[in-house]
Amino acid sequence: MLVSPTMRCRESALVICGWLLAGLAVAPLAAQPASAPSILHPLQRPQSTPPGQIQNTPDVVALAFDAESKEYDASPGERVAPFTFYITNIWTNDVLIEKAHGSCGCTTAILPADPWRIPPKGGGPVQVQVNLAGKMGLLSKTLTFYYKMLPDLTTINVRVVNLVVNIPPPPSALGTMSEADRKAAMIKAAADAQTIFKGDCARCHVDKGRDVMGQELYAADCGICHESSHRERIVPDLHALKQETDFDYWKMIITMGKPHTMMPAFAAAQGGPLTEAQIVSLATYLNHTISHNFAGAVGNVANAPIEHATAVP
């Protein structure tokens, strides 16, 4: 059978159209990615915190505290500041508090159990103590709770509470002196400032500060005069100085004293009772807590790591 040229053209056109239609049918499939990402509900998304890592702000609030911060006014000579925090588990599952860690060794907490597993709606008190030995002024500490929200035993969550203690100056040894004895001591010190390190005066101005550092040394050797309720007007209030001070200023004053005043030289090389290490620790403490750097004052005791400062050699 003979095929006319017209029929052949029609057949070729049909074949080409078939190819085009097949290409259009396959093209949408080829345009799709190999594996489209699945969309997860927010609650199905994986935790951003790797297993075993500490998560500072859990998505779910599990623990309720009766207060995030507590303040205590200590009495003169009080050695320990007591605090009590009440904790409630407001989550749907058990919470396991593994430990409560203070910002320094002087702050300790006692959990009802170790570790302490709290059922939903359960809770109880946590007793906290801050050791005040050798401390004075405004003291700020933190207590950090490390806990897990069961059944997750890998993620460690934390909560932090604050403790503030107002500590009055220690009772001055000068308070045991009669008015006449104190006046006589003032006359001797005015004539020779170094006399406070000699004879009976040494019991208060030398012995109490022996082998101590920083804040405790300030309470023993400086606070006895500058923080005393019997402070004479001639003895300056270090909290109200009208001049700029820094570490070098304090170190120089402590080392050399101040000529023609009642401020003695505390350095052993000048006849005083303090070693170089004690002077450095005392100057560090003063620079952190009694700041008069008016161009950019350092914060008070609440913002300074005093326990670290007292360890400066």
C-alpha atoms as a PDB file:
ATOM      1  CA  MET A   1       0.000   0.000   0.000  1.00  0.00           C
ATOM      2  CA  LEU A   2       1.308   3.358  -0.959  1.00  0.00           C
ATOM      3  CA  VAL A   3       1.360   6.114   1.725  1.00  0.00           C
ATOM      4  CA  SER A   4       0.950   9.610   0.546  1.00  0.00           C
ATOM      5  CA  PRO A   5       3.256  12.403   1.747  1.00  0.00           C
ATOM      6  CA  THR A   6       0.285  14.038   3.433  1.00  0.00           C
ATOM      7  CA  MET A   7      -0.397  10.963   5.610  1.00  0.00           C
ATOM      8  CA  ARG A   8       3.274  10.716   6.592  1.00  0.00           C
ATOM      9  CA  CYS A   9       3.233  14.326   7.790  1.00  0.00           C
ATOM     10  CA  ARG A  10       0.162  13.646   9.905  1.00  0.00           C
ATOM     11  CA  GLU A  11       1.776  10.590  11.509  1.00  0.00           C
ATOM     12  CA  SER A  12       4.967  12.550  12.337  1.00  0.00           C
ATOM     13  CA  ALA A  13       2.905  15.309  13.895  1.00  0.00           C
ATOM     14  CA  LEU A  14       1.067  12.798  16.087  1.00  0.00           C
ATOM     15  CA  VAL A  15       4.347  11.265  17.278  1.00  0.00           C
ATOM     16  CA  ILE A  16       5.791  14.685  18.149  1.00  0.00           C
ATOM     17  CA  CYS A  17       2.626  15.657  20.034  1.00  0.00           C
ATOM     18  CA  GLY A  18       2.816  12.385  21.978  1.00  0.00           C
ATOM     19  CA  TRP A  19       6.377  13.134  22.997  1.00  0.00           C
ATOM     20  CA  LEU A  20       5.417  16.638  24.149  1.00  0.00           C
ATOM     21  CA  LEU A  21       2.475  15.373  26.188  1.00  0.00           C
ATOM     22  CA  ALA A  22       4.654  12.732  27.856  1.00  0.00           C
ATOM     23  CA  GLY A  23       7.252  15.392  28.714  1.00  0.00           C
ATOM     24  CA  LEU A  24       4.624  17.603  30.306  1.00  0.00           C
ATOM     25  CA  ALA A  25       3.358  14.689  32.388  1.00  0.00           C
ATOM     26  CA  VAL A  26       6.864  13.851  33.682  1.00  0.00           C
ATOM     27  CA  ALA A  27       8.079  17.436  34.215  1.00  0.00           C
ATOM     28  CA  PRO A  28       6.080  18.133  37.453  1.00  0.00           C
ATOM     29  CA  LEU A  29       7.486  14.947  38.950  1.00  0.00           C
ATOM     30  CA  ALA A  30      11.073  15.878  38.045  1.00  0.00           C
ATOM     31  CA  ALA A  31      10.590  19.357  39.505  1.00  0.00           C
ATOM     32  CA  GLN A  32       9.808  17.901  42.947  1.00  0.00           C
ATOM     33  CA  PRO A  33      12.785  17.710  45.381  1.00  0.00           C
ATOM     34  CA  ALA A  34      14.218  14.293  46.119  1.00  0.00           C
ATOM     35  CA  SER A  35      12.828  14.370  49.684  1.00  0.00           C
ATOM     36  CA  ALA A  36      10.621  17.254  50.774  1.00  0.00           C
ATOM     37  CA  PRO A  37      11.183  18.280  54.428  1.00  0.00           C
ATOM     38  CA  SER A  38       8.415  17.244  56.797  1.00  0.00           C
ATOM     39  CA  ILE A  39       6.743  19.929  58.905  1.00  0.00           C
ATOM     40  CA  LEU A  40       6.757  19.081  62.611  1.00  0.00           C
ATOM     41  CA  HIS A  41       4.387  20.379  65.208  1.00  0.00           C
ATOM     42  CA  PRO A  42       6.280  22.598  67.712  1.00  0.00           C
ATOM     43  CA  LEU A  43       5.829  19.960  70.428  1.00  0.00           C
ATOM     44  CA  GLN A  44       7.338  17.294  68.101  1.00  0.00           C
ATOM     45  CA  ARG A  45      10.485  19.249  67.292  1.00  0.00           C
ATOM     46  CA  PRO A  46      13.677  17.857  68.818  1.00  0.00           C
ATOM     47  CA  GLN A  47      15.103  19.510  71.918  1.00  0.00           C
ATOM     48  CA  SER A  48      17.680  22.224  71.175  1.00  0.00           C
ATOM     49  CA  THR A  49      19.687  21.145  74.217  1.00  0.00           C
ATOM     50  CA  PRO A  50      21.937  18.106  73.572  1.00  0.00           C
ATOM     51  CA  PRO A  51      21.519  15.215  76.014  1.00  0.00           C
ATOM     52  CA  GLY A  52      23.409  15.759  79.260  1.00  0.00           C
ATOM     53  CA  GLN A  53      23.707  19.510  78.721  1.00  0.00           C
ATOM     54  CA  ILE A  54      22.411  22.166  81.122  1.00  0.00           C
ATOM     55  CA  GLN A  55      19.321  24.024  79.976  1.00  0.00           C
ATOM     56  CA  ASN A  56      19.034  27.390  81.714  1.00  0.00           C
ATOM     57  CA  THR A  57      15.454  28.222  80.762  1.00  0.00           C
ATOM     58  CA  PRO A  58      13.235  25.166  80.275  1.00  0.00           C
ATOM     59  CA  ASP A  59      10.228  25.567  77.982  1.00  0.00           C
ATOM     60  CA  VAL A  60       7.964  24.347  80.781  1.00  0.00           C
ATOM     61  CA  VAL A  61       8.003  25.927  84.241  1.00  0.00           C
ATOM     62  CA  ALA A  62       8.240  23.009  86.637  1.00  0.00           C
ATOM     63  CA  LEU A  63       9.152  24.571  89.996  1.00  0.00           C
ATOM     64  CA  ALA A  64       7.439  27.396  91.868  1.00  0.00           C
ATOM     65  CA  PHE A  65       9.326  29.211  94.651  1.00  0.00           C
ATOM     66  CA  ASP A  66       7.715  31.216  97.423  1.00  0.00           C
ATOM     67  CA  ALA A  67      10.224  33.977  96.495  1.00  0.00           C
ATOM     68  CA  GLU A  68      12.983  34.473  93.942  1.00  0.00           C
ATOM     69  CA  SER A  69      14.975  36.673  96.333  1.00  0.00           C
ATOM     70  CA  LYS A  70      15.109  36.973 100.115  1.00  0.00           C
ATOM     71  CA  GLU A  71      16.801  39.465 102.428  1.00  0.00           C
ATOM     72  CA  TYR A  72      18.008  39.081 105.997  1.00  0.00           C
ATOM     73  CA  ASP A  73      19.086  41.724 108.521  1.00  0.00           C
ATOM     74  CA  ALA A  74      21.770  40.214 110.722  1.00  0.00           C
ATOM     75  CA  SER A  75      22.286  41.232 114.323  1.00  0.00           C
ATOM     76  CA  PRO A  76      25.667  42.534 115.508  1.00  0.00           C
ATOM     77  CA  GLY A  77      27.991  39.587 116.017  1.00  0.00           C
ATOM     78  CA  GLU A  78      25.605  37.064 114.404  1.00  0.00           C
ATOM     79  CA  ARG A  79      27.595  34.276 112.748  1.00  0.00           C
ATOM     80  CA  VAL A  80      25.009  32.680 110.437  1.00  0.00           C
ATOM     81  CA  ALA A  81      22.139  34.078 108.361  1.00  0.00           C
ATOM     82  CA  PRO A  82      19.286  31.520 108.010  1.00  0.00           C
ATOM     83  CA  PHE A  83      16.967  31.369 104.998  1.00  0.00           C
ATOM     84  CA  THR A  84      14.086  29.066 104.049  1.00  0.00           C
ATOM     85  CA  PHE A  85      12.791  28.653 100.497  1.00  0.00           C
ATOM     86  CA  TYR A  86       9.557  26.727  99.853  1.00  0.00           C
ATOM     87  CA  ILE A  87       9.427  24.848  96.544  1.00  0.00           C
ATOM     88  CA  THR A  88       6.369  23.332  94.797  1.00  0.00           C
ATOM     89  CA  ASN A  89       6.307  21.055  91.745  1.00  0.00           C
ATOM     90  CA  ILE A  90       3.701  22.579  89.408  1.00  0.00           C
ATOM     91  CA  TRP A  91       4.485  20.245  86.499  1.00  0.00           C
ATOM     92  CA  THR A  92       2.521  17.149  85.448  1.00  0.00           C
ATOM     93  CA  ASN A  93       5.325  14.667  86.193  1.00  0.00           C
ATOM     94  CA  ASP A  94       7.853  14.142  88.958  1.00  0.00           C
ATOM     95  CA  VAL A  95      10.789  16.543  89.275  1.00  0.00           C
ATOM     96  CA  LEU A  96      14.157  15.353  90.569  1.00  0.00           C
ATOM     97  CA  ILE A  97      16.293  18.025  92.281  1.00  0.00           C
ATOM     98  CA  GLU A  98      19.818  16.644  92.306  1.00  0.00           C
ATOM     99  CA  LYS A  99      21.588  19.426  94.194  1.00  0.00           C
ATOM    100  CA  ALA A 100      21.523  23.047  95.338  1.00  0.00           C
ATOM    101  CA  HIS A 101      24.865  24.810  94.920  1.00  0.00           C
ATOM    102  CA  GLY A 102      25.794  28.130  96.550  1.00  0.00           C
ATOM    103  CA  SER A 103      27.811  30.827  94.794  1.00  0.00           C
ATOM    104  CA  CYS A 104      30.595  30.290  97.337  1.00  0.00           C
ATOM    105  CA  GLY A 105      31.536  27.919 100.120  1.00  0.00           C
ATOM    106  CA  CYS A 106      29.885  30.108 102.774  1.00  0.00           C
ATOM    107  CA  THR A 107      26.401  29.435 101.323  1.00  0.00           C
ATOM    108  CA  THR A 108      25.001  25.945 101.931  1.00  0.00           C
ATOM    109  CA  ALA A 109      21.590  24.362 101.449  1.00  0.00           C
ATOM    110  CA  ILE A 110      19.961  21.250 102.930  1.00  0.00           C
ATOM    111  CA  LEU A 111      17.468  19.434 100.696  1.00  0.00           C
ATOM    112  CA  PRO A 112      14.771  17.230 102.286  1.00  0.00           C
ATOM    113  CA  ALA A 113      16.344  14.297 100.405  1.00  0.00           C
ATOM    114  CA  ASP A 114      19.452  13.703  98.301  1.00  0.00           C
ATOM    115  CA  PRO A 115      18.383  13.649  95.532  1.00  0.00           C
ATOM    116  CA  TRP A 116      14.955  15.098  96.182  1.00  0.00           C
ATOM    117  CA  ARG A 117      12.138  13.634  94.057  1.00  0.00           C
ATOM    118  CA  ILE A 118       9.013  15.798  94.129  1.00  0.00           C
ATOM    119  CA  PRO A 119       5.672  14.475  92.808  1.00  0.00           C
ATOM    120  CA  PRO A 120       3.186  16.772  91.046  1.00  0.00           C
ATOM    121  CA  LYS A 121       1.763  19.350  93.479  1.00  0.00           C
ATOM    122  CA  GLY A 122       4.283  18.196  96.065  1.00  0.00           C
ATOM    123  CA  GLY A 123       7.111  20.173  97.623  1.00  0.00           C
ATOM    124  CA  GLY A 124       8.594  21.416 100.853  1.00  0.00           C
ATOM    125  CA  PRO A 125      11.169  23.687 102.500  1.00  0.00           C
ATOM    126  CA  VAL A 126      14.853  24.035 101.717  1.00  0.00           C
ATOM    127  CA  GLN A 127      16.975  25.317 104.593  1.00  0.00           C
ATOM    128  CA  VAL A 128      19.840  27.638 103.601  1.00  0.00           C
ATOM    129  CA  GLN A 129      22.648  29.132 105.687  1.00  0.00           C
ATOM    130  CA  VAL A 130      25.124  31.911 104.876  1.00  0.00           C
ATOM    131  CA  ASN A 131      28.250  32.019 107.035  1.00  0.00           C
ATOM    132  CA  LEU A 132      28.859  35.620 108.131  1.00  0.00           C
ATOM    133  CA  ALA A 133      32.228  35.129 109.834  1.00  0.00           C
ATOM    134  CA  GLY A 134      34.555  38.006 108.976  1.00  0.00           C
ATOM    135  CA  LYS A 135      31.955  39.709 106.778  1.00  0.00           C
ATOM    136  CA  MET A 136      30.398  43.146 106.990  1.00  0.00           C
ATOM    137  CA  GLY A 137      28.138  45.406 104.954  1.00  0.00           C
ATOM    138  CA  LEU A 138      25.793  44.295 102.159  1.00  0.00           C
ATOM    139  CA  LEU A 139      26.390  40.664 101.168  1.00  0.00           C
ATOM    140  CA  SER A 140      24.772  39.152  98.076  1.00  0.00           C
ATOM    141  CA  LYS A 141      24.804  35.421  97.255  1.00  0.00           C
ATOM    142  CA  THR A 142      23.026  33.067  94.854  1.00  0.00           C
ATOM    143  CA  LEU A 143      21.762  29.516  95.186  1.00  0.00           C
ATOM    144  CA  THR A 144      21.404  27.396  92.036  1.00  0.00           C
ATOM    145  CA  PHE A 145      19.085  24.370  91.878  1.00  0.00           C
ATOM    146  CA  TYR A 146      19.933  21.629  89.365  1.00  0.00           C
ATOM    147  CA  TYR A 147      16.979  19.393  88.466  1.00  0.00           C
ATOM    148  CA  LYS A 148      15.519  16.992  85.895  1.00  0.00           C
ATOM    149  CA  MET A 149      11.937  16.775  84.663  1.00  0.00           C
ATOM    150  CA  LEU A 150      11.010  13.074  84.521  1.00  0.00           C
ATOM    151  CA  PRO A 151      10.910  10.945  82.479  1.00  0.00           C
ATOM    152  CA  ASP A 152      13.760  12.890  80.815  1.00  0.00           C
ATOM    153  CA  LEU A 153      16.913  11.889  82.671  1.00  0.00           C
ATOM    154  CA  THR A 154      19.370  13.562  80.294  1.00  0.00           C
ATOM    155  CA  THR A 155      18.525  17.281  80.337  1.00  0.00           C
ATOM    156  CA  ILE A 156      19.637  19.210  83.424  1.00  0.00           C
ATOM    157  CA  ASN A 157      17.611  22.351  84.154  1.00  0.00           C
ATOM    158  CA  VAL A 158      18.607  25.148  86.541  1.00  0.00           C
ATOM    159  CA  ARG A 159      16.850  27.739  88.665  1.00  0.00           C
ATOM    160  CA  VAL A 160      18.627  30.500  90.601  1.00  0.00           C
ATOM    161  CA  VAL A 161      17.442  32.350  93.706  1.00  0.00           C
ATOM    162  CA  ASN A 162      19.112  35.318  95.410  1.00  0.00           C
ATOM    163  CA  LEU A 163      20.071  35.885  99.034  1.00  0.00           C
ATOM    164  CA  VAL A 164      20.946  39.301 100.468  1.00  0.00           C
ATOM    165  CA  VAL A 165      22.281  39.876 103.979  1.00  0.00           C
ATOM    166  CA  ASN A 166      22.739  43.231 105.698  1.00  0.00           C
ATOM    167  CA  ILE A 167      25.614  42.758 108.138  1.00  0.00           C
ATOM    168  CA  PRO A 168      26.313  45.473 110.743  1.00  0.00           C
ATOM    169  CA  PRO A 169      29.893  46.241 111.777  1.00  0.00           C
ATOM    170  CA  PRO A 170      31.179  43.925 114.512  1.00  0.00           C
ATOM    171  CA  PRO A 171      31.012  45.221 118.060  1.00  0.00           C
ATOM    172  CA  SER A 172      34.123  47.339 118.431  1.00  0.00           C
ATOM    173  CA  ALA A 173      36.717  46.317 120.972  1.00  0.00           C
ATOM    174  CA  LEU A 174      36.942  50.004 121.783  1.00  0.00           C
ATOM    175  CA  GLY A 175      33.432  49.737 123.189  1.00  0.00           C
ATOM    176  CA  THR A 176      34.864  47.924 126.205  1.00  0.00           C
ATOM    177  CA  MET A 177      37.114  50.871 127.015  1.00  0.00           C
ATOM    178  CA  SER A 178      36.101  53.630 129.317  1.00  0.00           C
ATOM    179  CA  GLU A 179      35.754  57.124 127.903  1.00  0.00           C
ATOM    180  CA  ALA A 180      38.908  58.207 129.768  1.00  0.00           C
ATOM    181  CA  ASP A 181      40.940  55.251 128.431  1.00  0.00           C
ATOM    182  CA  ARG A 182      39.778  55.918 124.898  1.00  0.00           C
ATOM    183  CA  LYS A 183      40.742  59.599 125.129  1.00  0.00           C
ATOM    184  CA  ALA A 184      44.169  58.653 126.480  1.00  0.00           C
ATOM    185  CA  ALA A 185      44.677  56.198 123.600  1.00  0.00           C
ATOM    186  CA  MET A 186      43.675  58.890 121.116  1.00  0.00           C
ATOM    187  CA  ILE A 187      46.302  61.272 122.554  1.00  0.00           C
ATOM    188  CA  LYS A 188      49.017  58.598 122.248  1.00  0.00           C
ATOM    189  CA  ALA A 189      47.999  57.754 118.687  1.00  0.00           C
ATOM    190  CA  ALA A 190      47.987  61.426 117.714  1.00  0.00           C
ATOM    191  CA  ALA A 191      51.576  61.751 118.978  1.00  0.00           C
ATOM    192  CA  ASP A 192      52.750  58.506 117.344  1.00  0.00           C
ATOM    193  CA  ALA A 193      50.349  56.618 115.077  1.00  0.00           C
ATOM    194  CA  GLN A 194      52.459  53.434 115.308  1.00  0.00           C
ATOM    195  CA  THR A 195      51.761  53.212 119.045  1.00  0.00           C
ATOM    196  CA  ILE A 196      48.547  51.255 118.388  1.00  0.00           C
ATOM    197  CA  PHE A 197      50.733  48.280 117.463  1.00  0.00           C
ATOM    198  CA  LYS A 198      52.509  48.282 120.813  1.00  0.00           C
ATOM    199  CA  GLY A 199      51.748  47.234 124.402  1.00  0.00           C
ATOM    200  CA  ASP A 200      48.133  46.624 125.361  1.00  0.00           C
ATOM    201  CA  CYS A 201      46.896  48.215 122.104  1.00  0.00           C
ATOM    202  CA  ALA A 202      48.367  45.288 120.153  1.00  0.00           C
ATOM    203  CA  ARG A 203      45.681  42.956 121.534  1.00  0.00           C
ATOM    204  CA  CYS A 204      43.107  44.713 119.369  1.00  0.00           C
ATOM    205  CA  HIS A 205      45.158  46.241 116.549  1.00  0.00           C
ATOM    206  CA  VAL A 206      47.590  43.363 115.897  1.00  0.00           C
ATOM    207  CA  ASP A 207      46.410  40.056 117.333  1.00  0.00           C
ATOM    208  CA  LYS A 208      42.883  40.080 115.832  1.00  0.00           C
ATOM    209  CA  GLY A 209      44.178  40.580 112.298  1.00  0.00           C
ATOM    210  CA  ARG A 210      46.977  38.052 112.488  1.00  0.00           C
ATOM    211  CA  ASP A 211      47.017  35.541 109.585  1.00  0.00           C
ATOM    212  CA  VAL A 212      43.699  36.694 108.054  1.00  0.00           C
ATOM    213  CA  MET A 213      43.002  38.285 104.666  1.00  0.00           C
ATOM    214  CA  GLY A 214      40.689  40.645 102.800  1.00  0.00           C
ATOM    215  CA  GLN A 215      37.267  41.214 104.304  1.00  0.00           C
ATOM    216  CA  GLU A 216      38.077  39.520 107.603  1.00  0.00           C
ATOM    217  CA  LEU A 217      41.261  41.579 107.873  1.00  0.00           C
ATOM    218  CA  TYR A 218      39.297  44.772 107.223  1.00  0.00           C
ATOM    219  CA  ALA A 219      36.879  43.940 110.038  1.00  0.00           C
ATOM    220  CA  ALA A 220      39.772  43.241 112.437  1.00  0.00           C
ATOM    221  CA  ASP A 221      42.240  46.024 111.619  1.00  0.00           C
ATOM    222  CA  CYS A 222      40.229  48.759 109.877  1.00  0.00           C
ATOM    223  CA  GLY A 223      36.626  48.406 111.003  1.00  0.00           C
ATOM    224  CA  ILE A 224      37.715  48.573 114.619  1.00  0.00           C
ATOM    225  CA  CYS A 225      38.280  52.317 114.082  1.00  0.00           C
ATOM    226  CA  HIS A 226      36.580  53.357 110.849  1.00  0.00           C
ATOM    227  CA  GLU A 227      33.346  51.382 111.442  1.00  0.00           C
ATOM    228  CA  SER A 228      33.164  51.884 115.207  1.00  0.00           C
ATOM    229  CA  SER A 229      30.070  53.426 116.763  1.00  0.00           C
ATOM    230  CA  HIS A 230      32.584  55.396 118.881  1.00  0.00           C
ATOM    231  CA  ARG A 231      34.444  56.712 115.825  1.00  0.00           C
ATOM    232  CA  GLU A 232      35.928  60.119 116.523  1.00  0.00           C
ATOM    233  CA  ARG A 233      35.464  62.886 113.974  1.00  0.00           C
ATOM    234  CA  ILE A 234      39.188  62.905 113.322  1.00  0.00           C
ATOM    235  CA  VAL A 235      38.878  59.303 112.041  1.00  0.00           C
ATOM    236  CA  PRO A 236      37.479  59.532 108.482  1.00  0.00           C
ATOM    237  CA  ASP A 237      34.407  57.689 107.259  1.00  0.00           C
ATOM    238  CA  LEU A 238      35.826  55.598 104.405  1.00  0.00           C
ATOM    239  CA  HIS A 239      32.379  55.397 102.815  1.00  0.00           C
ATOM    240  CA  ALA A 240      32.224  59.177 102.378  1.00  0.00           C
ATOM    241  CA  LEU A 241      35.674  60.205 101.158  1.00  0.00           C
ATOM    242  CA  LYS A 242      35.749  63.227  98.872  1.00  0.00           C
ATOM    243  CA  GLN A 243      38.607  62.053  96.673  1.00  0.00           C
ATOM    244  CA  GLU A 244      39.092  59.442  93.989  1.00  0.00           C
ATOM    245  CA  THR A 245      40.635  56.168  95.089  1.00  0.00           C
ATOM    246  CA  ASP A 246      41.831  52.986  93.426  1.00  0.00           C
ATOM    247  CA  PHE A 247      43.837  49.891  94.275  1.00  0.00           C
ATOM    248  CA  ASP A 248      47.143  51.808  94.256  1.00  0.00           C
ATOM    249  CA  TYR A 249      45.726  54.459  96.577  1.00  0.00           C
ATOM    250  CA  TRP A 250      44.571  51.921  99.150  1.00  0.00           C
ATOM    251  CA  LYS A 251      47.808  49.946  98.948  1.00  0.00           C
ATOM    252  CA  MET A 252      49.906  53.075  99.508  1.00  0.00           C
ATOM    253  CA  ILE A 253      47.808  54.285 102.455  1.00  0.00           C
ATOM    254  CA  ILE A 254      47.856  50.866 104.116  1.00  0.00           C
ATOM    255  CA  THR A 255      51.582  50.420 103.532  1.00  0.00           C
ATOM    256  CA  MET A 256      52.876  53.874 104.467  1.00  0.00           C
ATOM    257  CA  GLY A 257      50.063  55.359 106.529  1.00  0.00           C
ATOM    258  CA  LYS A 258      49.379  59.092 106.399  1.00  0.00           C
ATOM    259  CA  PRO A 259      51.924  61.468 107.988  1.00  0.00           C
ATOM    260  CA  HIS A 260      50.718  63.890 110.662  1.00  0.00           C
ATOM    261  CA  THR A 261      47.478  61.924 111.179  1.00  0.00           C
ATOM    262  CA  MET A 262      46.389  58.964 113.283  1.00  0.00           C
ATOM    263  CA  MET A 263      46.636  56.633 110.269  1.00  0.00           C
ATOM    264  CA  PRO A 264      49.608  54.304 110.954  1.00  0.00           C
ATOM    265  CA  ALA A 265      51.782  52.434 108.466  1.00  0.00           C
ATOM    266  CA  PHE A 266      50.630  48.810 108.500  1.00  0.00           C
ATOM    267  CA  ALA A 267      53.508  47.338 106.472  1.00  0.00           C
ATOM    268  CA  ALA A 268      55.916  45.156 108.443  1.00  0.00           C
ATOM    269  CA  ALA A 269      58.827  47.080 106.874  1.00  0.00           C
ATOM    270  CA  GLN A 270      57.418  50.268 108.447  1.00  0.00           C
ATOM    271  CA  GLY A 271      56.894  48.731 111.876  1.00  0.00           C
ATOM    272  CA  GLY A 272      53.351  47.525 111.233  1.00  0.00           C
ATOM    273  CA  PRO A 273      51.846  44.025 111.593  1.00  0.00           C
ATOM    274  CA  LEU A 274      50.891  43.179 107.971  1.00  0.00           C
ATOM    275  CA  THR A 275      52.688  41.157 105.326  1.00  0.00           C
ATOM    276  CA  GLU A 276      52.748  42.186 101.674  1.00  0.00           C
ATOM    277  CA  ALA A 277      50.143  39.519 100.874  1.00  0.00           C
ATOM    278  CA  GLN A 278      47.793  40.849 103.553  1.00  0.00           C
ATOM    279  CA  ILE A 279      48.189  44.406 102.276  1.00  0.00           C
ATOM    280  CA  VAL A 280      47.359  43.349  98.719  1.00  0.00           C
ATOM    281  CA  SER A 281      44.283  41.406  99.862  1.00  0.00           C
ATOM    282  CA  LEU A 282      43.100  44.359 101.961  1.00  0.00           C
ATOM    283  CA  ALA A 283      43.634  46.881  99.151  1.00  0.00           C
ATOM    284  CA  THR A 284      41.757  44.567  96.767  1.00  0.00           C
ATOM    285  CA  TYR A 285      38.838  44.320  99.168  1.00  0.00           C
ATOM    286  CA  LEU A 286      38.667  48.088  99.675  1.00  0.00           C
ATOM    287  CA  ASN A 287      38.874  48.776  95.946  1.00  0.00           C
ATOM    288  CA  HIS A 288      35.935  46.437  95.322  1.00  0.00           C
ATOM    289  CA  THR A 289      33.697  47.463  98.202  1.00  0.00           C
ATOM    290  CA  ILE A 290      34.428  51.045  99.244  1.00  0.00           C
ATOM    291  CA  SER A 291      34.860  52.618  95.853  1.00  0.00           C
ATOM    292  CA  HIS A 292      35.378  56.298  95.235  1.00  0.00           C
ATOM    293  CA  ASN A 293      36.514  56.098  91.629  1.00  0.00           C
ATOM    294  CA  PHE A 294      34.115  58.793  90.527  1.00  0.00           C
ATOM    295  CA  ALA A 295      34.943  58.399  86.833  1.00  0.00           C
ATOM    296  CA  GLY A 296      33.708  54.805  86.950  1.00  0.00           C
ATOM    297  CA  ALA A 297      33.163  53.413  90.396  1.00  0.00           C
ATOM    298  CA  VAL A 298      33.375  49.720  91.030  1.00  0.00           C
ATOM    299  CA  GLY A 299      30.200  48.203  92.492  1.00  0.00           C
ATOM    300  CA  ASN A 300      29.581  47.441  96.132  1.00  0.00           C
ATOM    301  CA  VAL A 301      29.960  44.125  97.865  1.00  0.00           C
ATOM    302  CA  ALA A 302      26.877  42.786  96.108  1.00  0.00           C
ATOM    303  CA  ASN A 303      28.644  42.955  92.748  1.00  0.00           C
ATOM    304  CA  ALA A 304      32.162  41.955  93.704  1.00  0.00           C
ATOM    305  CA  PRO A 305      33.690  38.487  94.109  1.00  0.00           C
ATOM    306  CA  ILE A 306      35.086  39.285  97.549  1.00  0.00           C
ATOM    307  CA  GLU A 307      35.937  35.701  98.398  1.00  0.00           C
ATOM    308  CA  HIS A 308      38.190  35.620  95.331  1.00  0.00           C
ATOM    309  CA  ALA A 309      39.690  38.987  96.139  1.00  0.00           C
ATOM    310  CA  THR A 310      40.732  37.919  99.602  1.00  0.00           C
ATOM    311  CA  ALA A 311      42.812  35.117  98.145  1.00  0.00           C
ATOM    312  CA  VAL A 312      45.099  37.410  96.145  1.00  0.00           C
ATOM    313  CA  PRO A 313      48.677  36.628  97.191  1.00  0.00           C
END
